[in-house]
ModelCIF file with pLDDT and N, C-alpha, C, O atoms, coordinates in Angstrom:
data_MODEL
#
_entry.id   MODEL 
#
_entity.id                         1 
_entity.type                       polymer 
_entity.pdbx_number_of_molecules   1 
#
_entity_poly.entity_id                      1 
_entity_poly.type                           'polypeptide(L)' 
_entity_poly.nstd_linkage                   no 
_entity_poly.nstd_monomer                   no 
_entity_poly.pdbx_seq_one_letter_code       
;(UNK)(UNK)(UNK)(UNK)(UNK)(UNK)(UNK)(UNK)(UNK)(UNK)(UNK)(UNK)(UNK)(UNK)(UNK)(UNK)
(UNK)(UNK)(UNK)(UNK)(UNK)(UNK)(UNK)(UNK)(UNK)(UNK)(UNK)(UNK)(UNK)(UNK)(UNK)(UNK)
(UNK)(UNK)(UNK)(UNK)(UNK)(UNK)(UNK)(UNK)(UNK)(UNK)(UNK)(UNK)(UNK)(UNK)
;
_entity_poly.pdbx_seq_one_letter_code_can   XXXXXXXXXXXXXXXXXXXXXXXXXXXXXXXXXXXXXXXXXXXXXX 
_entity_poly.pdbx_strand_id                 A 
#
loop_
_entity_poly_seq.entity_id 
_entity_poly_seq.num 
_entity_poly_seq.mon_id 
_entity_poly_seq.hetero 
1 1  UNK n 
1 2  UNK n 
1 3  UNK n 
1 4  UNK n 
1 5  UNK n 
1 6  UNK n 
1 7  UNK n 
1 8  UNK n 
1 9  UNK n 
1 10 UNK n 
1 11 UNK n 
1 12 UNK n 
1 13 UNK n 
1 14 UNK n 
1 15 UNK n 
1 16 UNK n 
1 17 UNK n 
1 18 UNK n 
1 19 UNK n 
1 20 UNK n 
1 21 UNK n 
1 22 UNK n 
1 23 UNK n 
1 24 UNK n 
1 25 UNK n 
1 26 UNK n 
1 27 UNK n 
1 28 UNK n 
1 29 UNK n 
1 30 UNK n 
1 31 UNK n 
1 32 UNK n 
1 33 UNK n 
1 34 UNK n 
1 35 UNK n 
1 36 UNK n 
1 37 UNK n 
1 38 UNK n 
1 39 UNK n 
1 40 UNK n 
1 41 UNK n 
1 42 UNK n 
1 43 UNK n 
1 44 UNK n 
1 45 UNK n 
1 46 UNK n 
#
_struct_asym.id          A 
_struct_asym.entity_id   1 
#
loop_
_ma_qa_metric.id 
_ma_qa_metric.mode 
_ma_qa_metric.name 
_ma_qa_metric.software_group_id 
_ma_qa_metric.type 
1 global pLDDT . pLDDT 
2 local  pLDDT . pLDDT 
#
_ma_qa_metric_global.metric_id      1 
_ma_qa_metric_global.metric_value   96.85 
_ma_qa_metric_global.model_id       1 
_ma_qa_metric_global.ordinal_id     1 
#
loop_
_ma_qa_metric_local.label_asym_id 
_ma_qa_metric_local.label_comp_id 
_ma_qa_metric_local.label_seq_id 
_ma_qa_metric_local.metric_id 
_ma_qa_metric_local.metric_value 
_ma_qa_metric_local.model_id 
_ma_qa_metric_local.ordinal_id 
A UNK 1  2 98.00 1 1  
A UNK 2  2 98.00 1 2  
A UNK 3  2 97.00 1 3  
A UNK 4  2 97.00 1 4  
A UNK 5  2 97.00 1 5  
A UNK 6  2 97.00 1 6  
A UNK 7  2 98.00 1 7  
A UNK 8  2 98.00 1 8  
A UNK 9  2 98.00 1 9  
A UNK 10 2 98.00 1 10 
A UNK 11 2 98.00 1 11 
A UNK 12 2 98.00 1 12 
A UNK 13 2 98.00 1 13 
A UNK 14 2 98.00 1 14 
A UNK 15 2 97.00 1 15 
A UNK 16 2 97.00 1 16 
A UNK 17 2 98.00 1 17 
A UNK 18 2 98.00 1 18 
A UNK 19 2 98.00 1 19 
A UNK 20 2 98.00 1 20 
A UNK 21 2 98.00 1 21 
A UNK 22 2 98.00 1 22 
A UNK 23 2 98.00 1 23 
A UNK 24 2 98.00 1 24 
A UNK 25 2 98.00 1 25 
A UNK 26 2 98.00 1 26 
A UNK 27 2 98.00 1 27 
A UNK 28 2 98.00 1 28 
A UNK 29 2 98.00 1 29 
A UNK 30 2 98.00 1 30 
A UNK 31 2 98.00 1 31 
A UNK 32 2 97.00 1 32 
A UNK 33 2 97.00 1 33 
A UNK 34 2 96.00 1 34 
A UNK 35 2 94.00 1 35 
A UNK 36 2 95.00 1 36 
A UNK 37 2 96.00 1 37 
A UNK 38 2 95.00 1 38 
A UNK 39 2 94.00 1 39 
A UNK 40 2 95.00 1 40 
A UNK 41 2 95.00 1 41 
A UNK 42 2 92.00 1 42 
A UNK 43 2 93.00 1 43 
A UNK 44 2 93.00 1 44 
A UNK 45 2 95.00 1 45 
A UNK 46 2 96.00 1 46 
#
loop_
_atom_site.group_PDB 
_atom_site.id 
_atom_site.type_symbol 
_atom_site.label_atom_id 
_atom_site.label_alt_id 
_atom_site.label_comp_id 
_atom_site.label_asym_id 
_atom_site.label_entity_id 
_atom_site.label_seq_id 
_atom_site.pdbx_PDB_ins_code 
_atom_site.Cartn_x 
_atom_site.Cartn_y 
_atom_site.Cartn_z 
_atom_site.occupancy 
_atom_site.B_iso_or_equiv 
_atom_site.pdbx_formal_charge 
_atom_site.auth_seq_id 
_atom_site.auth_comp_id 
_atom_site.auth_asym_id 
_atom_site.auth_atom_id 
_atom_site.pdbx_PDB_model_num 
ATOM 1   N N  . UNK A 1 1  ? 109.290 85.847  99.607  1.00 98.00 ? 1  UNK A N  1 
ATOM 2   C CA . UNK A 1 1  ? 109.743 84.610  100.238 1.00 98.00 ? 1  UNK A CA 1 
ATOM 3   C C  . UNK A 1 1  ? 111.259 84.460  100.120 1.00 98.00 ? 1  UNK A C  1 
ATOM 4   O O  . UNK A 1 1  ? 111.906 83.947  101.032 1.00 98.00 ? 1  UNK A O  1 
ATOM 5   N N  . UNK A 1 2  ? 111.818 84.905  99.008  1.00 98.00 ? 2  UNK A N  1 
ATOM 6   C CA . UNK A 1 2  ? 113.274 84.851  98.835  1.00 98.00 ? 2  UNK A CA 1 
ATOM 7   C C  . UNK A 1 2  ? 113.995 85.799  99.785  1.00 98.00 ? 2  UNK A C  1 
ATOM 8   O O  . UNK A 1 2  ? 115.166 85.596  100.105 1.00 98.00 ? 2  UNK A O  1 
ATOM 9   N N  . UNK A 1 3  ? 113.291 86.834  100.232 1.00 97.00 ? 3  UNK A N  1 
ATOM 10  C CA . UNK A 1 3  ? 113.889 87.820  101.138 1.00 97.00 ? 3  UNK A CA 1 
ATOM 11  C C  . UNK A 1 3  ? 113.691 87.432  102.591 1.00 97.00 ? 3  UNK A C  1 
ATOM 12  O O  . UNK A 1 3  ? 114.628 87.477  103.388 1.00 97.00 ? 3  UNK A O  1 
ATOM 13  N N  . UNK A 1 4  ? 112.444 87.045  102.939 1.00 97.00 ? 4  UNK A N  1 
ATOM 14  C CA . UNK A 1 4  ? 112.080 86.875  104.341 1.00 97.00 ? 4  UNK A CA 1 
ATOM 15  C C  . UNK A 1 4  ? 111.908 85.427  104.791 1.00 97.00 ? 4  UNK A C  1 
ATOM 16  O O  . UNK A 1 4  ? 111.965 85.138  105.986 1.00 97.00 ? 4  UNK A O  1 
ATOM 17  N N  . UNK A 1 5  ? 111.699 84.525  103.849 1.00 97.00 ? 5  UNK A N  1 
ATOM 18  C CA . UNK A 1 5  ? 111.313 83.166  104.246 1.00 97.00 ? 5  UNK A CA 1 
ATOM 19  C C  . UNK A 1 5  ? 109.814 83.141  104.463 1.00 97.00 ? 5  UNK A C  1 
ATOM 20  O O  . UNK A 1 5  ? 109.053 83.062  103.499 1.00 97.00 ? 5  UNK A O  1 
ATOM 21  N N  . UNK A 1 6  ? 109.376 83.206  105.711 1.00 97.00 ? 6  UNK A N  1 
ATOM 22  C CA . UNK A 1 6  ? 107.947 83.351  105.991 1.00 97.00 ? 6  UNK A CA 1 
ATOM 23  C C  . UNK A 1 6  ? 107.543 84.784  105.672 1.00 97.00 ? 6  UNK A C  1 
ATOM 24  O O  . UNK A 1 6  ? 108.190 85.728  106.123 1.00 97.00 ? 6  UNK A O  1 
ATOM 25  N N  . UNK A 1 7  ? 106.477 84.950  104.896 1.00 98.00 ? 7  UNK A N  1 
ATOM 26  C CA . UNK A 1 7  ? 106.007 86.274  104.488 1.00 98.00 ? 7  UNK A CA 1 
ATOM 27  C C  . UNK A 1 7  ? 104.793 86.640  105.332 1.00 98.00 ? 7  UNK A C  1 
ATOM 28  O O  . UNK A 1 7  ? 103.740 86.011  105.224 1.00 98.00 ? 7  UNK A O  1 
ATOM 29  N N  . UNK A 1 8  ? 104.942 87.646  106.160 1.00 98.00 ? 8  UNK A N  1 
ATOM 30  C CA . UNK A 1 8  ? 103.840 88.071  107.020 1.00 98.00 ? 8  UNK A CA 1 
ATOM 31  C C  . UNK A 1 8  ? 103.111 89.256  106.389 1.00 98.00 ? 8  UNK A C  1 
ATOM 32  O O  . UNK A 1 8  ? 103.600 89.882  105.449 1.00 98.00 ? 8  UNK A O  1 
ATOM 33  N N  . UNK A 1 9  ? 101.927 89.544  106.934 1.00 98.00 ? 9  UNK A N  1 
ATOM 34  C CA . UNK A 1 9  ? 101.177 90.713  106.466 1.00 98.00 ? 9  UNK A CA 1 
ATOM 35  C C  . UNK A 1 9  ? 101.959 91.995  106.731 1.00 98.00 ? 9  UNK A C  1 
ATOM 36  O O  . UNK A 1 9  ? 101.799 92.975  106.004 1.00 98.00 ? 9  UNK A O  1 
ATOM 37  N N  . UNK A 1 10 ? 102.794 92.001  107.751 1.00 98.00 ? 10 UNK A N  1 
ATOM 38  C CA . UNK A 1 10 ? 103.604 93.185  108.035 1.00 98.00 ? 10 UNK A CA 1 
ATOM 39  C C  . UNK A 1 10 ? 104.613 93.454  106.920 1.00 98.00 ? 10 UNK A C  1 
ATOM 40  O O  . UNK A 1 10 ? 105.021 94.598  106.724 1.00 98.00 ? 10 UNK A O  1 
ATOM 41  N N  . UNK A 1 11 ? 105.019 92.416  106.191 1.00 98.00 ? 11 UNK A N  1 
ATOM 42  C CA . UNK A 1 11 ? 105.918 92.597  105.054 1.00 98.00 ? 11 UNK A CA 1 
ATOM 43  C C  . UNK A 1 11 ? 105.224 93.247  103.867 1.00 98.00 ? 11 UNK A C  1 
ATOM 44  O O  . UNK A 1 11 ? 105.868 93.621  102.887 1.00 98.00 ? 11 UNK A O  1 
ATOM 45  N N  . UNK A 1 12 ? 103.907 93.379  103.963 1.00 98.00 ? 12 UNK A N  1 
ATOM 46  C CA . UNK A 1 12 ? 103.089 93.913  102.873 1.00 98.00 ? 12 UNK A CA 1 
ATOM 47  C C  . UNK A 1 12 ? 102.419 95.233  103.267 1.00 98.00 ? 12 UNK A C  1 
ATOM 48  O O  . UNK A 1 12 ? 102.328 96.152  102.453 1.00 98.00 ? 12 UNK A O  1 
ATOM 49  N N  . UNK A 1 13 ? 101.951 95.322  104.515 1.00 98.00 ? 13 UNK A N  1 
ATOM 50  C CA . UNK A 1 13 ? 101.185 96.484  104.971 1.00 98.00 ? 13 UNK A CA 1 
ATOM 51  C C  . UNK A 1 13 ? 101.945 97.236  106.062 1.00 98.00 ? 13 UNK A C  1 
ATOM 52  O O  . UNK A 1 13 ? 101.644 97.114  107.250 1.00 98.00 ? 13 UNK A O  1 
ATOM 53  N N  . UNK A 1 14 ? 102.918 98.002  105.639 1.00 98.00 ? 14 UNK A N  1 
ATOM 54  C CA . UNK A 1 14 ? 103.751 98.823  106.515 1.00 98.00 ? 14 UNK A CA 1 
ATOM 55  C C  . UNK A 1 14 ? 104.559 99.714  105.582 1.00 98.00 ? 14 UNK A C  1 
ATOM 56  O O  . UNK A 1 14 ? 104.422 99.629  104.361 1.00 98.00 ? 14 UNK A O  1 
ATOM 57  N N  . UNK A 1 15 ? 105.404 100.572 106.159 1.00 97.00 ? 15 UNK A N  1 
ATOM 58  C CA . UNK A 1 15 ? 106.270 101.389 105.308 1.00 97.00 ? 15 UNK A CA 1 
ATOM 59  C C  . UNK A 1 15 ? 107.200 100.506 104.482 1.00 97.00 ? 15 UNK A C  1 
ATOM 60  O O  . UNK A 1 15 ? 107.408 100.746 103.292 1.00 97.00 ? 15 UNK A O  1 
ATOM 61  N N  . UNK A 1 16 ? 107.755 99.489  105.125 1.00 97.00 ? 16 UNK A N  1 
ATOM 62  C CA . UNK A 1 16 ? 108.573 98.523  104.382 1.00 97.00 ? 16 UNK A CA 1 
ATOM 63  C C  . UNK A 1 16 ? 107.736 97.773  103.372 1.00 97.00 ? 16 UNK A C  1 
ATOM 64  O O  . UNK A 1 16 ? 108.202 97.468  102.274 1.00 97.00 ? 16 UNK A O  1 
ATOM 65  N N  . UNK A 1 17 ? 106.493 97.472  103.739 1.00 98.00 ? 17 UNK A N  1 
ATOM 66  C CA . UNK A 1 17 ? 105.595 96.762  102.832 1.00 98.00 ? 17 UNK A CA 1 
ATOM 67  C C  . UNK A 1 17 ? 105.325 97.541  101.559 1.00 98.00 ? 17 UNK A C  1 
ATOM 68  O O  . UNK A 1 17 ? 105.336 96.970  100.468 1.00 98.00 ? 17 UNK A O  1 
ATOM 69  N N  . UNK A 1 18 ? 105.083 98.844  101.686 1.00 98.00 ? 18 UNK A N  1 
ATOM 70  C CA . UNK A 1 18 ? 104.865 99.667  100.494 1.00 98.00 ? 18 UNK A CA 1 
ATOM 71  C C  . UNK A 1 18 ? 106.125 99.692  99.627  1.00 98.00 ? 18 UNK A C  1 
ATOM 72  O O  . UNK A 1 18 ? 106.044 99.647  98.400  1.00 98.00 ? 18 UNK A O  1 
ATOM 73  N N  . UNK A 1 19 ? 107.283 99.763  100.276 1.00 98.00 ? 19 UNK A N  1 
ATOM 74  C CA . UNK A 1 19 ? 108.543 99.694  99.527  1.00 98.00 ? 19 UNK A CA 1 
ATOM 75  C C  . UNK A 1 19 ? 108.691 98.347  98.836  1.00 98.00 ? 19 UNK A C  1 
ATOM 76  O O  . UNK A 1 19 ? 109.169 98.286  97.703  1.00 98.00 ? 19 UNK A O  1 
ATOM 77  N N  . UNK A 1 20 ? 108.285 97.255  99.505  1.00 98.00 ? 20 UNK A N  1 
ATOM 78  C CA . UNK A 1 20 ? 108.355 95.925  98.891  1.00 98.00 ? 20 UNK A CA 1 
ATOM 79  C C  . UNK A 1 20 ? 107.489 95.843  97.651  1.00 98.00 ? 20 UNK A C  1 
ATOM 80  O O  . UNK A 1 20 ? 107.898 95.282  96.635  1.00 98.00 ? 20 UNK A O  1 
ATOM 81  N N  . UNK A 1 21 ? 106.288 96.404  97.734  1.00 98.00 ? 21 UNK A N  1 
ATOM 82  C CA . UNK A 1 21 ? 105.396 96.417  96.566  1.00 98.00 ? 21 UNK A CA 1 
ATOM 83  C C  . UNK A 1 21 ? 106.033 97.217  95.439  1.00 98.00 ? 21 UNK A C  1 
ATOM 84  O O  . UNK A 1 21 ? 106.043 96.784  94.287  1.00 98.00 ? 21 UNK A O  1 
ATOM 85  N N  . UNK A 1 22 ? 106.562 98.380  95.780  1.00 98.00 ? 22 UNK A N  1 
ATOM 86  C CA . UNK A 1 22 ? 107.150 99.260  94.762  1.00 98.00 ? 22 UNK A CA 1 
ATOM 87  C C  . UNK A 1 22 ? 108.342 98.607  94.085  1.00 98.00 ? 22 UNK A C  1 
ATOM 88  O O  . UNK A 1 22 ? 108.439 98.622  92.858  1.00 98.00 ? 22 UNK A O  1 
ATOM 89  N N  . UNK A 1 23 ? 109.262 98.026  94.877  1.00 98.00 ? 23 UNK A N  1 
ATOM 90  C CA . UNK A 1 23 ? 110.456 97.461  94.251  1.00 98.00 ? 23 UNK A CA 1 
ATOM 91  C C  . UNK A 1 23 ? 110.137 96.186  93.477  1.00 98.00 ? 23 UNK A C  1 
ATOM 92  O O  . UNK A 1 23 ? 110.849 95.854  92.529  1.00 98.00 ? 23 UNK A O  1 
ATOM 93  N N  . UNK A 1 24 ? 109.077 95.460  93.859  1.00 98.00 ? 24 UNK A N  1 
ATOM 94  C CA . UNK A 1 24 ? 108.627 94.321  93.047  1.00 98.00 ? 24 UNK A CA 1 
ATOM 95  C C  . UNK A 1 24 ? 108.162 94.813  91.680  1.00 98.00 ? 24 UNK A C  1 
ATOM 96  O O  . UNK A 1 24 ? 108.517 94.239  90.651  1.00 98.00 ? 24 UNK A O  1 
ATOM 97  N N  . UNK A 1 25 ? 107.365 95.882  91.677  1.00 98.00 ? 25 UNK A N  1 
ATOM 98  C CA . UNK A 1 25 ? 106.890 96.436  90.408  1.00 98.00 ? 25 UNK A CA 1 
ATOM 99  C C  . UNK A 1 25 ? 108.046 96.952  89.554  1.00 98.00 ? 25 UNK A C  1 
ATOM 100 O O  . UNK A 1 25 ? 108.037 96.808  88.332  1.00 98.00 ? 25 UNK A O  1 
ATOM 101 N N  . UNK A 1 26 ? 109.026 97.545  90.200  1.00 98.00 ? 26 UNK A N  1 
ATOM 102 C CA . UNK A 1 26 ? 110.178 98.123  89.482  1.00 98.00 ? 26 UNK A CA 1 
ATOM 103 C C  . UNK A 1 26 ? 111.160 97.051  89.023  1.00 98.00 ? 26 UNK A C  1 
ATOM 104 O O  . UNK A 1 26 ? 111.578 97.050  87.865  1.00 98.00 ? 26 UNK A O  1 
ATOM 105 N N  . UNK A 1 27 ? 111.529 96.140  89.916  1.00 98.00 ? 27 UNK A N  1 
ATOM 106 C CA . UNK A 1 27 ? 112.638 95.220  89.652  1.00 98.00 ? 27 UNK A CA 1 
ATOM 107 C C  . UNK A 1 27 ? 112.213 93.914  88.997  1.00 98.00 ? 27 UNK A C  1 
ATOM 108 O O  . UNK A 1 27 ? 112.979 93.314  88.242  1.00 98.00 ? 27 UNK A O  1 
ATOM 109 N N  . UNK A 1 28 ? 110.983 93.469  89.286  1.00 98.00 ? 28 UNK A N  1 
ATOM 110 C CA . UNK A 1 28 ? 110.499 92.202  88.725  1.00 98.00 ? 28 UNK A CA 1 
ATOM 111 C C  . UNK A 1 28 ? 109.566 92.437  87.548  1.00 98.00 ? 28 UNK A C  1 
ATOM 112 O O  . UNK A 1 28 ? 109.737 91.828  86.491  1.00 98.00 ? 28 UNK A O  1 
ATOM 113 N N  . UNK A 1 29 ? 108.587 93.308  87.716  1.00 98.00 ? 29 UNK A N  1 
ATOM 114 C CA . UNK A 1 29 ? 107.616 93.567  86.640  1.00 98.00 ? 29 UNK A CA 1 
ATOM 115 C C  . UNK A 1 29 ? 108.100 94.628  85.664  1.00 98.00 ? 29 UNK A C  1 
ATOM 116 O O  . UNK A 1 29 ? 107.457 94.868  84.642  1.00 98.00 ? 29 UNK A O  1 
ATOM 117 N N  . UNK A 1 30 ? 109.231 95.271  85.968  1.00 98.00 ? 30 UNK A N  1 
ATOM 118 C CA . UNK A 1 30 ? 109.925 96.195  85.068  1.00 98.00 ? 30 UNK A CA 1 
ATOM 119 C C  . UNK A 1 30 ? 109.104 97.436  84.706  1.00 98.00 ? 30 UNK A C  1 
ATOM 120 O O  . UNK A 1 30 ? 109.189 97.931  83.582  1.00 98.00 ? 30 UNK A O  1 
ATOM 121 N N  . UNK A 1 31 ? 108.326 97.926  85.637  1.00 98.00 ? 31 UNK A N  1 
ATOM 122 C CA . UNK A 1 31 ? 107.682 99.227  85.438  1.00 98.00 ? 31 UNK A CA 1 
ATOM 123 C C  . UNK A 1 31 ? 108.748 100.314 85.529  1.00 98.00 ? 31 UNK A C  1 
ATOM 124 O O  . UNK A 1 31 ? 109.574 100.290 86.441  1.00 98.00 ? 31 UNK A O  1 
ATOM 125 N N  . UNK A 1 32 ? 108.743 101.255 84.609  1.00 97.00 ? 32 UNK A N  1 
ATOM 126 C CA . UNK A 1 32 ? 109.811 102.270 84.606  1.00 97.00 ? 32 UNK A CA 1 
ATOM 127 C C  . UNK A 1 32 ? 109.706 103.229 85.792  1.00 97.00 ? 32 UNK A C  1 
ATOM 128 O O  . UNK A 1 32 ? 108.617 103.605 86.224  1.00 97.00 ? 32 UNK A O  1 
ATOM 129 N N  . UNK A 1 33 ? 110.882 103.608 86.300  1.00 97.00 ? 33 UNK A N  1 
ATOM 130 C CA . UNK A 1 33 ? 110.979 104.581 87.375  1.00 97.00 ? 33 UNK A CA 1 
ATOM 131 C C  . UNK A 1 33 ? 111.693 105.816 86.833  1.00 97.00 ? 33 UNK A C  1 
ATOM 132 O O  . UNK A 1 33 ? 112.854 105.720 86.436  1.00 97.00 ? 33 UNK A O  1 
ATOM 133 N N  . UNK A 1 34 ? 111.033 106.970 86.808  1.00 96.00 ? 34 UNK A N  1 
ATOM 134 C CA . UNK A 1 34 ? 111.701 108.185 86.333  1.00 96.00 ? 34 UNK A CA 1 
ATOM 135 C C  . UNK A 1 34 ? 112.935 108.506 87.177  1.00 96.00 ? 34 UNK A C  1 
ATOM 136 O O  . UNK A 1 34 ? 112.951 108.273 88.386  1.00 96.00 ? 34 UNK A O  1 
ATOM 137 N N  . UNK A 1 35 ? 113.953 109.036 86.532  1.00 94.00 ? 35 UNK A N  1 
ATOM 138 C CA . UNK A 1 35 ? 115.204 109.325 87.247  1.00 94.00 ? 35 UNK A CA 1 
ATOM 139 C C  . UNK A 1 35 ? 114.979 110.324 88.376  1.00 94.00 ? 35 UNK A C  1 
ATOM 140 O O  . UNK A 1 35 ? 115.548 110.186 89.458  1.00 94.00 ? 35 UNK A O  1 
ATOM 141 N N  . UNK A 1 36 ? 114.140 111.338 88.116  1.00 95.00 ? 36 UNK A N  1 
ATOM 142 C CA . UNK A 1 36 ? 113.882 112.345 89.162  1.00 95.00 ? 36 UNK A CA 1 
ATOM 143 C C  . UNK A 1 36 ? 113.208 111.721 90.371  1.00 95.00 ? 36 UNK A C  1 
ATOM 144 O O  . UNK A 1 36 ? 113.434 112.151 91.502  1.00 95.00 ? 36 UNK A O  1 
ATOM 145 N N  . UNK A 1 37 ? 112.367 110.692 90.133  1.00 96.00 ? 37 UNK A N  1 
ATOM 146 C CA . UNK A 1 37 ? 111.683 110.034 91.237  1.00 96.00 ? 37 UNK A CA 1 
ATOM 147 C C  . UNK A 1 37 ? 112.675 109.217 92.066  1.00 96.00 ? 37 UNK A C  1 
ATOM 148 O O  . UNK A 1 37 ? 112.584 109.179 93.293  1.00 96.00 ? 37 UNK A O  1 
ATOM 149 N N  . UNK A 1 38 ? 113.609 108.573 91.397  1.00 95.00 ? 38 UNK A N  1 
ATOM 150 C CA . UNK A 1 38 ? 114.628 107.809 92.109  1.00 95.00 ? 38 UNK A CA 1 
ATOM 151 C C  . UNK A 1 38 ? 115.381 108.701 93.094  1.00 95.00 ? 38 UNK A C  1 
ATOM 152 O O  . UNK A 1 38 ? 115.672 108.287 94.216  1.00 95.00 ? 38 UNK A O  1 
ATOM 153 N N  . UNK A 1 39 ? 115.690 109.908 92.676  1.00 94.00 ? 39 UNK A N  1 
ATOM 154 C CA . UNK A 1 39 ? 116.390 110.854 93.552  1.00 94.00 ? 39 UNK A CA 1 
ATOM 155 C C  . UNK A 1 39 ? 115.515 111.274 94.722  1.00 94.00 ? 39 UNK A C  1 
ATOM 156 O O  . UNK A 1 39 ? 115.998 111.370 95.850  1.00 94.00 ? 39 UNK A O  1 
ATOM 157 N N  . UNK A 1 40 ? 114.244 111.523 94.471  1.00 95.00 ? 40 UNK A N  1 
ATOM 158 C CA . UNK A 1 40 ? 113.332 111.917 95.545  1.00 95.00 ? 40 UNK A CA 1 
ATOM 159 C C  . UNK A 1 40 ? 113.151 110.791 96.557  1.00 95.00 ? 40 UNK A C  1 
ATOM 160 O O  . UNK A 1 40 ? 113.145 111.030 97.764  1.00 95.00 ? 40 UNK A O  1 
ATOM 161 N N  . UNK A 1 41 ? 113.005 109.576 96.066  1.00 95.00 ? 41 UNK A N  1 
ATOM 162 C CA . UNK A 1 41 ? 112.798 108.442 96.967  1.00 95.00 ? 41 UNK A CA 1 
ATOM 163 C C  . UNK A 1 41 ? 114.028 108.202 97.841  1.00 95.00 ? 41 UNK A C  1 
ATOM 164 O O  . UNK A 1 41 ? 113.913 107.781 98.992  1.00 95.00 ? 41 UNK A O  1 
ATOM 165 N N  . UNK A 1 42 ? 115.200 108.473 97.280  1.00 92.00 ? 42 UNK A N  1 
ATOM 166 C CA . UNK A 1 42 ? 116.433 108.260 98.035  1.00 92.00 ? 42 UNK A CA 1 
ATOM 167 C C  . UNK A 1 42 ? 116.632 109.314 99.119  1.00 92.00 ? 42 UNK A C  1 
ATOM 168 O O  . UNK A 1 42 ? 117.274 109.053 100.137 1.00 92.00 ? 42 UNK A O  1 
ATOM 169 N N  . UNK A 1 43 ? 116.080 110.504 98.897  1.00 93.00 ? 43 UNK A N  1 
ATOM 170 C CA . UNK A 1 43 ? 116.359 111.621 99.800  1.00 93.00 ? 43 UNK A CA 1 
ATOM 171 C C  . UNK A 1 43 ? 115.175 112.072 100.644 1.00 93.00 ? 43 UNK A C  1 
ATOM 172 O O  . UNK A 1 43 ? 115.355 112.834 101.594 1.00 93.00 ? 43 UNK A O  1 
ATOM 173 N N  . UNK A 1 44 ? 113.962 111.616 100.315 1.00 93.00 ? 44 UNK A N  1 
ATOM 174 C CA . UNK A 1 44 ? 112.778 112.102 101.020 1.00 93.00 ? 44 UNK A CA 1 
ATOM 175 C C  . UNK A 1 44 ? 112.071 111.007 101.794 1.00 93.00 ? 44 UNK A C  1 
ATOM 176 O O  . UNK A 1 44 ? 112.576 109.894 101.943 1.00 93.00 ? 44 UNK A O  1 
ATOM 177 N N  . UNK A 1 45 ? 110.882 111.354 102.286 1.00 95.00 ? 45 UNK A N  1 
ATOM 178 C CA . UNK A 1 45 ? 110.013 110.383 102.951 1.00 95.00 ? 45 UNK A CA 1 
ATOM 179 C C  . UNK A 1 45 ? 109.390 109.497 101.884 1.00 95.00 ? 45 UNK A C  1 
ATOM 180 O O  . UNK A 1 45 ? 108.653 109.986 101.028 1.00 95.00 ? 45 UNK A O  1 
ATOM 181 N N  . UNK A 1 46 ? 109.677 108.193 101.926 1.00 96.00 ? 46 UNK A N  1 
ATOM 182 C CA . UNK A 1 46 ? 109.284 107.300 100.836 1.00 96.00 ? 46 UNK A CA 1 
ATOM 183 C C  . UNK A 1 46 ? 107.775 107.343 100.598 1.00 96.00 ? 46 UNK A C  1 
ATOM 184 O O  . UNK A 1 46 ? 107.270 106.650 99.715  1.00 96.00 ? 46 UNK A O  1 
#
């Protein structure tokens, strides 16, 4: 809601949606992200 205002299902179930779920887990819930994975996500197909 802080990002989009109205939150649609497309914000959850799409390529961006999967990224939204992942970054919520990483940035808000503080699940650790391995450094090697960060590099792969930045350079590959998410």
